[in-house]
Amino acid sequence: MLRAAVSLDRETRATYQIRVEAADSGQPPRSAVVVIRVRVRDVNDNAPEFVGPRELALPENTEPPVVLGRLNATDADEGVNSQVLFTLVQPTPDSSPLFRVDPDGTVTVLRRLDREQLSQHHLTVRLADRGQPPKLTDAQLTVRVLDENDSPPRIVQPAPNSSAPAARISIYTHPPGK
């Protein structure tokens, strides 16, 4: 019987070649040699690792639905233990979600975003491998909403406070500074 003296880890070394020699005590002694190839089976001992991207961006008022990008992950295991599925953990508080994350990592914007309401959205995405039991990793994703010049200037005429014949007009943008 062949037993390992130490724990084996497939991610460190996947195969071993062991030379086994059997000898008898006869006169003359006889022996035989065989080489045994040992393949270490994978167990689900590694959690998925988020590769990115960690930030995605799109211009405000983009017509939904729109695919924003695709997330990537790796898992050092092999086979089903290395297959990673994505889910959105932290949906927006609104009952109608703004984003969807498909199992393959595709991020879709489901509603029109307005930078003047919120310039960044912070999402938590869960990565789960298909091992039994699955290993999980949570990753943070930021969606930046890029500003567009979508707010026309307003003309404000203050009430006259003097009898001077000159007029003064103030022009403001909404939001200020944009």
N, C-alpha and C. Protein backbone atom coordinates (compact mmCIF):
# COMPACT_ATOMS: atom_id res chain seq x y z
N MET A 1 0.84 -1.16 0.00
CA MET A 1 0.00 0.00 0.00
C MET A 1 0.89 1.24 0.00
N LEU A 2 0.50 2.21 -0.80
CA LEU A 2 1.24 3.46 -0.92
C LEU A 2 0.47 4.56 -0.20
N ARG A 3 1.13 5.26 0.73
CA ARG A 3 0.49 6.35 1.48
C ARG A 3 1.37 7.58 1.42
N ALA A 4 0.72 8.74 1.41
CA ALA A 4 1.46 10.00 1.42
C ALA A 4 1.88 10.31 2.85
N ALA A 5 3.12 10.71 3.02
CA ALA A 5 3.62 11.08 4.35
C ALA A 5 3.21 12.50 4.73
N VAL A 6 2.87 13.32 3.73
CA VAL A 6 2.44 14.70 3.97
C VAL A 6 1.19 14.96 3.12
N SER A 7 0.51 16.04 3.44
CA SER A 7 -0.67 16.44 2.65
C SER A 7 -0.24 16.84 1.25
N LEU A 8 -1.03 16.47 0.28
CA LEU A 8 -0.75 16.84 -1.10
C LEU A 8 -1.73 17.93 -1.52
N ASP A 9 -1.25 18.89 -2.30
CA ASP A 9 -2.08 19.99 -2.78
C ASP A 9 -1.95 20.05 -4.30
N ARG A 10 -3.05 19.81 -5.00
CA ARG A 10 -3.02 19.78 -6.46
C ARG A 10 -2.57 21.11 -7.05
N GLU A 11 -2.89 22.22 -6.40
CA GLU A 11 -2.49 23.52 -6.94
C GLU A 11 -0.97 23.73 -6.85
N THR A 12 -0.31 23.04 -5.93
CA THR A 12 1.14 23.13 -5.81
C THR A 12 1.82 22.16 -6.77
N ARG A 13 1.33 20.92 -6.79
CA ARG A 13 1.88 19.90 -7.68
C ARG A 13 0.77 18.91 -8.00
N ALA A 14 0.47 18.76 -9.29
CA ALA A 14 -0.68 17.95 -9.70
C ALA A 14 -0.34 16.48 -9.91
N THR A 15 0.92 16.15 -10.23
CA THR A 15 1.28 14.75 -10.46
C THR A 15 2.64 14.44 -9.83
N TYR A 16 2.78 13.17 -9.49
CA TYR A 16 4.04 12.66 -8.95
C TYR A 16 4.38 11.38 -9.70
N GLN A 17 5.66 11.14 -9.92
CA GLN A 17 6.11 9.86 -10.46
C GLN A 17 6.96 9.22 -9.38
N ILE A 18 6.53 8.05 -8.96
CA ILE A 18 7.19 7.37 -7.85
C ILE A 18 7.79 6.06 -8.39
N ARG A 19 9.05 5.88 -8.08
CA ARG A 19 9.75 4.65 -8.50
C ARG A 19 9.67 3.68 -7.32
N VAL A 20 9.07 2.54 -7.57
CA VAL A 20 8.92 1.51 -6.53
C VAL A 20 9.75 0.30 -6.95
N GLU A 21 10.56 -0.17 -5.99
CA GLU A 21 11.39 -1.35 -6.25
C GLU A 21 11.03 -2.41 -5.21
N ALA A 22 10.79 -3.59 -5.70
CA ALA A 22 10.52 -4.73 -4.81
C ALA A 22 11.69 -5.71 -4.95
N ALA A 23 12.18 -6.19 -3.82
CA ALA A 23 13.31 -7.14 -3.84
C ALA A 23 13.02 -8.26 -2.86
N ASP A 24 13.50 -9.45 -3.20
CA ASP A 24 13.34 -10.57 -2.27
C ASP A 24 14.67 -10.84 -1.56
N SER A 25 14.64 -11.77 -0.67
CA SER A 25 15.86 -12.10 0.09
C SER A 25 16.48 -13.40 -0.39
N GLY A 26 16.09 -13.85 -1.56
CA GLY A 26 16.60 -15.11 -2.08
C GLY A 26 18.04 -15.01 -2.54
N GLN A 27 18.58 -16.18 -2.90
CA GLN A 27 19.94 -16.26 -3.41
C GLN A 27 19.86 -16.78 -4.83
N PRO A 28 20.18 -16.08 -5.78
CA PRO A 28 20.53 -14.67 -5.80
C PRO A 28 19.27 -13.82 -5.58
N PRO A 29 19.43 -12.61 -5.04
CA PRO A 29 18.26 -11.76 -4.83
C PRO A 29 17.69 -11.30 -6.17
N ARG A 30 16.42 -11.24 -6.19
CA ARG A 30 15.74 -10.78 -7.40
C ARG A 30 14.96 -9.51 -7.05
N SER A 31 14.78 -8.66 -8.10
CA SER A 31 14.04 -7.41 -7.86
C SER A 31 13.30 -7.01 -9.13
N ALA A 32 12.35 -6.14 -8.93
CA ALA A 32 11.58 -5.58 -10.05
C ALA A 32 11.32 -4.10 -9.72
N VAL A 33 11.29 -3.30 -10.75
CA VAL A 33 11.06 -1.86 -10.59
C VAL A 33 9.85 -1.48 -11.42
N VAL A 34 9.02 -0.65 -10.85
CA VAL A 34 7.88 -0.10 -11.57
C VAL A 34 7.78 1.40 -11.22
N VAL A 35 7.37 2.19 -12.21
CA VAL A 35 7.16 3.62 -11.97
C VAL A 35 5.65 3.85 -11.92
N ILE A 36 5.22 4.43 -10.83
CA ILE A 36 3.80 4.70 -10.63
C ILE A 36 3.57 6.21 -10.78
N ARG A 37 2.60 6.53 -11.59
CA ARG A 37 2.24 7.95 -11.75
C ARG A 37 1.02 8.21 -10.88
N VAL A 38 1.16 9.17 -9.97
CA VAL A 38 0.07 9.53 -9.06
C VAL A 38 -0.46 10.90 -9.48
N ARG A 39 -1.75 10.95 -9.75
CA ARG A 39 -2.41 12.22 -10.09
C ARG A 39 -3.21 12.65 -8.87
N VAL A 40 -2.95 13.86 -8.38
CA VAL A 40 -3.63 14.38 -7.20
C VAL A 40 -4.98 14.94 -7.64
N ARG A 41 -6.05 14.45 -7.03
CA ARG A 41 -7.39 14.94 -7.35
C ARG A 41 -7.63 16.29 -6.69
N ASP A 42 -8.40 17.11 -7.40
CA ASP A 42 -8.71 18.44 -6.87
C ASP A 42 -9.83 18.36 -5.84
N VAL A 43 -9.68 19.14 -4.80
CA VAL A 43 -10.78 19.38 -3.87
C VAL A 43 -11.02 20.88 -3.89
N ASN A 44 -12.21 21.28 -3.54
CA ASN A 44 -12.56 22.70 -3.59
C ASN A 44 -11.98 23.42 -2.37
N ASP A 45 -10.69 23.77 -2.48
CA ASP A 45 -10.02 24.40 -1.34
C ASP A 45 -9.60 25.85 -1.61
N ASN A 46 -10.03 26.41 -2.75
CA ASN A 46 -9.70 27.80 -3.08
C ASN A 46 -10.97 28.57 -3.40
N ALA A 47 -11.07 29.77 -2.85
CA ALA A 47 -12.20 30.65 -3.17
C ALA A 47 -11.89 31.41 -4.46
N PRO A 48 -12.93 31.82 -5.18
CA PRO A 48 -12.70 32.62 -6.38
C PRO A 48 -12.01 33.94 -6.04
N GLU A 49 -11.24 34.44 -6.98
CA GLU A 49 -10.57 35.74 -6.82
C GLU A 49 -11.10 36.69 -7.88
N PHE A 50 -11.52 37.88 -7.44
CA PHE A 50 -12.04 38.89 -8.34
C PHE A 50 -10.88 39.53 -9.09
N VAL A 51 -10.94 39.50 -10.42
CA VAL A 51 -9.90 40.08 -11.25
C VAL A 51 -10.26 41.53 -11.63
N GLY A 52 -11.53 41.77 -11.86
CA GLY A 52 -11.96 43.13 -12.19
C GLY A 52 -12.92 43.12 -13.36
N PRO A 53 -13.23 44.26 -13.88
CA PRO A 53 -12.81 45.57 -13.41
C PRO A 53 -13.52 45.96 -12.11
N ARG A 54 -12.90 46.83 -11.34
CA ARG A 54 -13.49 47.29 -10.08
C ARG A 54 -14.33 48.55 -10.27
N GLU A 55 -14.19 49.17 -11.44
CA GLU A 55 -14.96 50.39 -11.73
C GLU A 55 -15.42 50.36 -13.17
N LEU A 56 -16.69 50.71 -13.37
CA LEU A 56 -17.26 50.85 -14.70
C LEU A 56 -17.90 52.23 -14.76
N ALA A 57 -18.08 52.77 -15.97
CA ALA A 57 -18.66 54.10 -16.11
C ALA A 57 -19.54 54.16 -17.35
N LEU A 58 -20.54 55.06 -17.29
CA LEU A 58 -21.35 55.33 -18.46
C LEU A 58 -21.90 56.75 -18.36
N PRO A 59 -22.18 57.38 -19.50
CA PRO A 59 -22.76 58.72 -19.47
C PRO A 59 -24.17 58.68 -18.90
N GLU A 60 -24.52 59.72 -18.16
CA GLU A 60 -25.87 59.80 -17.62
C GLU A 60 -26.86 59.83 -18.78
N ASN A 61 -28.08 59.45 -18.50
CA ASN A 61 -29.19 59.45 -19.45
C ASN A 61 -29.02 58.47 -20.60
N THR A 62 -28.11 57.50 -20.48
CA THR A 62 -27.97 56.47 -21.50
C THR A 62 -29.24 55.63 -21.51
N GLU A 63 -29.73 55.37 -22.70
CA GLU A 63 -30.99 54.64 -22.86
C GLU A 63 -30.83 53.19 -22.41
N PRO A 64 -31.59 52.75 -21.40
CA PRO A 64 -31.50 51.36 -20.93
C PRO A 64 -32.33 50.42 -21.79
N PRO A 65 -32.14 49.14 -21.70
CA PRO A 65 -31.06 48.48 -20.98
C PRO A 65 -29.76 48.58 -21.78
N VAL A 66 -28.64 48.65 -21.06
CA VAL A 66 -27.34 48.73 -21.73
C VAL A 66 -26.34 47.87 -20.95
N VAL A 67 -25.58 47.07 -21.69
CA VAL A 67 -24.53 46.26 -21.07
C VAL A 67 -23.37 47.18 -20.75
N LEU A 68 -23.01 47.21 -19.49
CA LEU A 68 -21.97 48.11 -19.01
C LEU A 68 -20.58 47.48 -19.10
N GLY A 69 -20.50 46.19 -18.92
CA GLY A 69 -19.22 45.50 -18.97
C GLY A 69 -19.36 44.09 -18.44
N ARG A 70 -18.23 43.40 -18.38
CA ARG A 70 -18.23 42.02 -17.89
C ARG A 70 -17.14 41.87 -16.84
N LEU A 71 -17.51 41.28 -15.72
CA LEU A 71 -16.59 41.06 -14.62
C LEU A 71 -15.82 39.76 -14.86
N ASN A 72 -14.62 39.69 -14.30
CA ASN A 72 -13.77 38.52 -14.47
C ASN A 72 -13.29 38.02 -13.12
N ALA A 73 -13.12 36.71 -13.04
CA ALA A 73 -12.62 36.08 -11.81
C ALA A 73 -11.81 34.86 -12.19
N THR A 74 -10.97 34.43 -11.26
CA THR A 74 -10.23 33.18 -11.43
C THR A 74 -10.41 32.34 -10.18
N ASP A 75 -10.16 31.05 -10.32
CA ASP A 75 -10.20 30.13 -9.19
C ASP A 75 -9.10 29.11 -9.45
N ALA A 76 -8.22 28.92 -8.48
CA ALA A 76 -7.06 28.04 -8.66
C ALA A 76 -7.43 26.56 -8.74
N ASP A 77 -8.64 26.20 -8.36
CA ASP A 77 -9.07 24.81 -8.47
C ASP A 77 -9.28 24.45 -9.93
N GLU A 78 -9.73 23.21 -10.19
CA GLU A 78 -9.98 22.80 -11.57
C GLU A 78 -11.37 22.20 -11.68
N GLY A 79 -11.83 22.03 -12.92
CA GLY A 79 -13.15 21.46 -13.16
C GLY A 79 -14.25 22.36 -12.63
N VAL A 80 -15.33 21.75 -12.14
CA VAL A 80 -16.45 22.56 -11.63
C VAL A 80 -16.03 23.42 -10.44
N ASN A 81 -15.01 22.99 -9.72
CA ASN A 81 -14.53 23.78 -8.58
C ASN A 81 -13.94 25.12 -9.02
N SER A 82 -13.60 25.25 -10.29
CA SER A 82 -13.00 26.50 -10.79
C SER A 82 -13.99 27.36 -11.57
N GLN A 83 -15.20 26.85 -11.78
CA GLN A 83 -16.20 27.62 -12.53
C GLN A 83 -16.86 28.62 -11.59
N VAL A 84 -16.82 29.91 -11.97
CA VAL A 84 -17.28 30.98 -11.09
C VAL A 84 -18.59 31.57 -11.62
N LEU A 85 -19.55 31.74 -10.70
CA LEU A 85 -20.82 32.38 -11.00
C LEU A 85 -20.90 33.69 -10.22
N PHE A 86 -21.52 34.71 -10.82
CA PHE A 86 -21.64 36.03 -10.22
C PHE A 86 -23.09 36.31 -9.85
N THR A 87 -23.32 36.99 -8.73
CA THR A 87 -24.65 37.48 -8.36
C THR A 87 -24.50 38.85 -7.71
N LEU A 88 -25.55 39.65 -7.83
CA LEU A 88 -25.58 40.96 -7.19
C LEU A 88 -26.10 40.77 -5.78
N VAL A 89 -25.31 41.15 -4.79
CA VAL A 89 -25.67 40.95 -3.38
C VAL A 89 -26.43 42.14 -2.85
N GLN A 90 -25.98 43.32 -3.20
CA GLN A 90 -26.53 44.53 -2.61
C GLN A 90 -27.32 45.29 -3.67
N PRO A 91 -28.59 44.94 -3.86
CA PRO A 91 -29.36 45.71 -4.83
C PRO A 91 -29.67 47.10 -4.27
N THR A 92 -30.07 47.99 -5.14
CA THR A 92 -30.42 49.33 -4.70
C THR A 92 -31.64 49.26 -3.79
N PRO A 93 -31.79 50.23 -2.87
CA PRO A 93 -32.94 50.19 -1.96
C PRO A 93 -34.27 50.33 -2.68
N ASP A 94 -34.26 50.95 -3.85
CA ASP A 94 -35.47 51.12 -4.63
C ASP A 94 -36.02 49.75 -5.04
N SER A 95 -37.33 49.62 -5.10
CA SER A 95 -37.92 48.32 -5.44
C SER A 95 -37.64 47.92 -6.88
N SER A 96 -37.40 48.88 -7.74
CA SER A 96 -37.07 48.58 -9.13
C SER A 96 -35.55 48.69 -9.28
N PRO A 97 -34.86 47.57 -9.46
CA PRO A 97 -33.39 47.60 -9.45
C PRO A 97 -32.82 48.40 -10.63
N LEU A 98 -31.68 49.01 -10.38
CA LEU A 98 -30.98 49.76 -11.42
C LEU A 98 -30.04 48.88 -12.22
N PHE A 99 -29.53 47.82 -11.60
CA PHE A 99 -28.50 46.99 -12.22
C PHE A 99 -28.86 45.51 -12.14
N ARG A 100 -28.28 44.75 -13.08
CA ARG A 100 -28.39 43.30 -13.04
C ARG A 100 -26.99 42.75 -13.29
N VAL A 101 -26.63 41.72 -12.55
CA VAL A 101 -25.37 41.02 -12.79
C VAL A 101 -25.74 39.58 -13.14
N ASP A 102 -25.42 39.17 -14.36
CA ASP A 102 -25.73 37.82 -14.82
C ASP A 102 -24.70 36.84 -14.25
N PRO A 103 -25.03 35.54 -14.22
CA PRO A 103 -24.09 34.54 -13.70
C PRO A 103 -22.72 34.55 -14.39
N ASP A 104 -22.67 34.99 -15.66
CA ASP A 104 -21.38 35.04 -16.37
C ASP A 104 -20.60 36.32 -16.10
N GLY A 105 -21.14 37.22 -15.25
CA GLY A 105 -20.45 38.45 -14.89
C GLY A 105 -20.85 39.66 -15.70
N THR A 106 -21.79 39.52 -16.62
CA THR A 106 -22.24 40.66 -17.42
C THR A 106 -23.05 41.62 -16.54
N VAL A 107 -22.66 42.90 -16.55
CA VAL A 107 -23.34 43.93 -15.76
C VAL A 107 -24.19 44.76 -16.71
N THR A 108 -25.50 44.84 -16.41
CA THR A 108 -26.44 45.57 -17.24
C THR A 108 -27.10 46.67 -16.42
N VAL A 109 -27.22 47.86 -17.03
CA VAL A 109 -27.95 48.97 -16.42
C VAL A 109 -29.39 48.86 -16.90
N LEU A 110 -30.34 48.82 -15.97
CA LEU A 110 -31.74 48.58 -16.30
C LEU A 110 -32.58 49.85 -16.37
N ARG A 111 -32.10 50.93 -15.75
CA ARG A 111 -32.85 52.19 -15.77
C ARG A 111 -31.90 53.34 -16.08
N ARG A 112 -32.48 54.42 -16.54
CA ARG A 112 -31.70 55.63 -16.86
C ARG A 112 -31.09 56.19 -15.57
N LEU A 113 -29.80 56.53 -15.63
CA LEU A 113 -29.11 57.08 -14.47
C LEU A 113 -28.91 58.58 -14.66
N ASP A 114 -29.05 59.33 -13.57
CA ASP A 114 -28.90 60.79 -13.60
C ASP A 114 -27.80 61.18 -12.63
N ARG A 115 -26.73 61.75 -13.16
CA ARG A 115 -25.58 62.12 -12.33
C ARG A 115 -25.95 63.16 -11.27
N GLU A 116 -26.90 64.03 -11.59
CA GLU A 116 -27.29 65.05 -10.62
C GLU A 116 -27.99 64.44 -9.41
N GLN A 117 -28.54 63.25 -9.56
CA GLN A 117 -29.15 62.54 -8.42
C GLN A 117 -28.11 61.74 -7.65
N LEU A 118 -27.24 61.02 -8.36
CA LEU A 118 -26.21 60.21 -7.71
C LEU A 118 -25.08 59.98 -8.72
N SER A 119 -23.86 60.38 -8.35
CA SER A 119 -22.75 60.30 -9.30
C SER A 119 -22.03 58.95 -9.28
N GLN A 120 -22.20 58.18 -8.19
CA GLN A 120 -21.57 56.86 -8.10
C GLN A 120 -22.52 55.88 -7.44
N HIS A 121 -22.49 54.66 -7.92
CA HIS A 121 -23.27 53.57 -7.32
C HIS A 121 -22.27 52.51 -6.86
N HIS A 122 -22.41 52.08 -5.61
CA HIS A 122 -21.50 51.07 -5.05
C HIS A 122 -22.28 49.76 -4.92
N LEU A 123 -21.78 48.74 -5.60
CA LEU A 123 -22.45 47.44 -5.62
C LEU A 123 -21.55 46.39 -4.99
N THR A 124 -22.18 45.41 -4.37
CA THR A 124 -21.46 44.24 -3.87
C THR A 124 -21.83 43.06 -4.76
N VAL A 125 -20.82 42.44 -5.32
CA VAL A 125 -21.01 41.29 -6.22
C VAL A 125 -20.43 40.07 -5.53
N ARG A 126 -21.21 38.99 -5.49
CA ARG A 126 -20.75 37.74 -4.89
C ARG A 126 -20.27 36.79 -5.99
N LEU A 127 -19.08 36.24 -5.77
CA LEU A 127 -18.50 35.23 -6.65
C LEU A 127 -18.62 33.90 -5.94
N ALA A 128 -19.15 32.91 -6.61
CA ALA A 128 -19.29 31.57 -6.01
C ALA A 128 -18.80 30.55 -7.02
N ASP A 129 -17.93 29.64 -6.55
CA ASP A 129 -17.54 28.56 -7.46
C ASP A 129 -18.62 27.48 -7.39
N ARG A 130 -18.51 26.49 -8.27
CA ARG A 130 -19.55 25.46 -8.34
C ARG A 130 -19.17 24.21 -7.56
N GLY A 131 -18.18 24.32 -6.70
CA GLY A 131 -17.79 23.19 -5.86
C GLY A 131 -18.85 22.90 -4.81
N GLN A 132 -18.73 21.76 -4.16
CA GLN A 132 -19.67 21.36 -3.10
C GLN A 132 -18.90 21.13 -1.82
N PRO A 133 -19.06 21.97 -0.83
CA PRO A 133 -19.85 23.21 -0.85
C PRO A 133 -19.10 24.31 -1.59
N PRO A 134 -19.83 25.30 -2.11
CA PRO A 134 -19.17 26.36 -2.86
C PRO A 134 -18.34 27.28 -1.96
N LYS A 135 -17.27 27.81 -2.52
CA LYS A 135 -16.46 28.84 -1.85
C LYS A 135 -16.93 30.19 -2.39
N LEU A 136 -17.04 31.18 -1.49
CA LEU A 136 -17.59 32.49 -1.85
C LEU A 136 -16.57 33.60 -1.63
N THR A 137 -16.69 34.64 -2.45
CA THR A 137 -15.92 35.87 -2.29
C THR A 137 -16.84 37.03 -2.64
N ASP A 138 -16.84 38.08 -1.82
CA ASP A 138 -17.58 39.29 -2.14
C ASP A 138 -16.61 40.34 -2.66
N ALA A 139 -17.02 41.05 -3.71
CA ALA A 139 -16.18 42.08 -4.33
C ALA A 139 -16.98 43.36 -4.46
N GLN A 140 -16.29 44.48 -4.40
CA GLN A 140 -16.94 45.78 -4.54
C GLN A 140 -16.77 46.28 -5.97
N LEU A 141 -17.87 46.79 -6.53
CA LEU A 141 -17.88 47.35 -7.87
C LEU A 141 -18.45 48.76 -7.78
N THR A 142 -17.77 49.72 -8.39
CA THR A 142 -18.26 51.10 -8.43
C THR A 142 -18.68 51.41 -9.86
N VAL A 143 -19.90 51.95 -10.00
CA VAL A 143 -20.38 52.42 -11.30
C VAL A 143 -20.41 53.94 -11.22
N ARG A 144 -19.57 54.57 -12.05
CA ARG A 144 -19.54 56.04 -12.10
C ARG A 144 -20.47 56.51 -13.20
N VAL A 145 -21.25 57.55 -12.89
CA VAL A 145 -22.16 58.15 -13.85
C VAL A 145 -21.48 59.42 -14.36
N LEU A 146 -21.19 59.45 -15.65
CA LEU A 146 -20.47 60.57 -16.25
C LEU A 146 -21.44 61.70 -16.59
N ASP A 147 -21.01 62.92 -16.34
CA ASP A 147 -21.87 64.08 -16.53
C ASP A 147 -22.01 64.42 -18.00
N GLU A 148 -23.21 64.84 -18.37
CA GLU A 148 -23.49 65.39 -19.69
C GLU A 148 -24.07 66.77 -19.48
N ASN A 149 -23.94 67.62 -20.46
CA ASN A 149 -24.50 68.96 -20.37
C ASN A 149 -26.00 68.86 -20.68
N ASP A 150 -26.77 68.45 -19.67
CA ASP A 150 -28.20 68.23 -19.88
C ASP A 150 -29.07 69.21 -19.10
N SER A 151 -28.47 70.20 -18.46
CA SER A 151 -29.23 71.19 -17.69
C SER A 151 -29.01 72.56 -18.32
N PRO A 152 -30.04 73.12 -18.99
CA PRO A 152 -29.86 74.42 -19.64
C PRO A 152 -29.73 75.53 -18.60
N PRO A 153 -29.06 76.64 -18.96
CA PRO A 153 -28.97 77.76 -18.03
C PRO A 153 -30.35 78.38 -17.80
N ARG A 154 -30.50 79.03 -16.63
CA ARG A 154 -31.75 79.73 -16.31
C ARG A 154 -31.46 81.21 -16.21
N ILE A 155 -32.35 82.00 -16.68
CA ILE A 155 -32.22 83.45 -16.55
C ILE A 155 -33.12 83.88 -15.40
N VAL A 156 -32.52 84.57 -14.45
CA VAL A 156 -33.26 85.04 -13.28
C VAL A 156 -33.23 86.55 -13.30
N GLN A 157 -34.40 87.16 -13.28
CA GLN A 157 -34.49 88.62 -13.24
C GLN A 157 -34.90 89.04 -11.84
N PRO A 158 -33.97 89.61 -11.10
CA PRO A 158 -34.35 90.03 -9.75
C PRO A 158 -35.32 91.20 -9.81
N ALA A 159 -36.13 91.30 -8.79
CA ALA A 159 -37.08 92.41 -8.71
C ALA A 159 -36.30 93.72 -8.65
N PRO A 160 -36.74 94.72 -9.40
CA PRO A 160 -36.01 95.99 -9.38
C PRO A 160 -36.03 96.60 -7.97
N ASN A 161 -34.86 97.06 -7.54
CA ASN A 161 -34.78 97.67 -6.22
C ASN A 161 -34.31 99.12 -6.31
N SER A 162 -34.20 99.61 -7.53
CA SER A 162 -33.85 101.02 -7.68
C SER A 162 -34.52 101.55 -8.94
N SER A 163 -34.49 102.82 -9.07
CA SER A 163 -35.13 103.44 -10.23
C SER A 163 -34.13 103.71 -11.34
N ALA A 164 -32.95 103.12 -11.25
CA ALA A 164 -31.93 103.35 -12.29
C ALA A 164 -32.37 102.69 -13.58
N PRO A 165 -32.06 103.29 -14.74
CA PRO A 165 -32.50 102.74 -16.02
C PRO A 165 -31.72 101.50 -16.46
N ALA A 166 -30.64 101.14 -15.79
CA ALA A 166 -29.84 99.98 -16.20
C ALA A 166 -30.50 98.68 -15.74
N ALA A 167 -30.26 97.62 -16.48
CA ALA A 167 -30.80 96.30 -16.12
C ALA A 167 -29.64 95.37 -15.77
N ARG A 168 -29.87 94.51 -14.82
CA ARG A 168 -28.86 93.52 -14.43
C ARG A 168 -29.50 92.14 -14.57
N ILE A 169 -28.81 91.24 -15.28
CA ILE A 169 -29.33 89.89 -15.49
C ILE A 169 -28.30 88.91 -14.95
N SER A 170 -28.75 87.96 -14.16
CA SER A 170 -27.87 86.90 -13.65
C SER A 170 -28.20 85.61 -14.36
N ILE A 171 -27.17 84.86 -14.75
CA ILE A 171 -27.36 83.57 -15.41
C ILE A 171 -26.78 82.50 -14.51
N TYR A 172 -27.59 81.48 -14.23
CA TYR A 172 -27.18 80.38 -13.36
C TYR A 172 -27.31 79.08 -14.14
N THR A 173 -26.44 78.16 -13.81
CA THR A 173 -26.60 76.81 -14.36
C THR A 173 -27.11 75.92 -13.24
N HIS A 174 -27.79 74.85 -13.64
CA HIS A 174 -28.28 73.90 -12.64
C HIS A 174 -27.70 72.54 -12.95
N PRO A 175 -26.97 71.91 -12.11
CA PRO A 175 -26.55 72.37 -10.79
C PRO A 175 -25.47 73.42 -10.95
N PRO A 176 -25.26 74.25 -9.92
CA PRO A 176 -24.25 75.31 -10.00
C PRO A 176 -22.88 74.74 -10.36
N GLY A 177 -22.18 75.46 -11.21
CA GLY A 177 -20.82 75.05 -11.58
C GLY A 177 -20.76 74.06 -12.72
N LYS A 178 -21.86 73.66 -13.27
CA LYS A 178 -21.86 72.66 -14.36
C LYS A 178 -22.10 73.33 -15.68
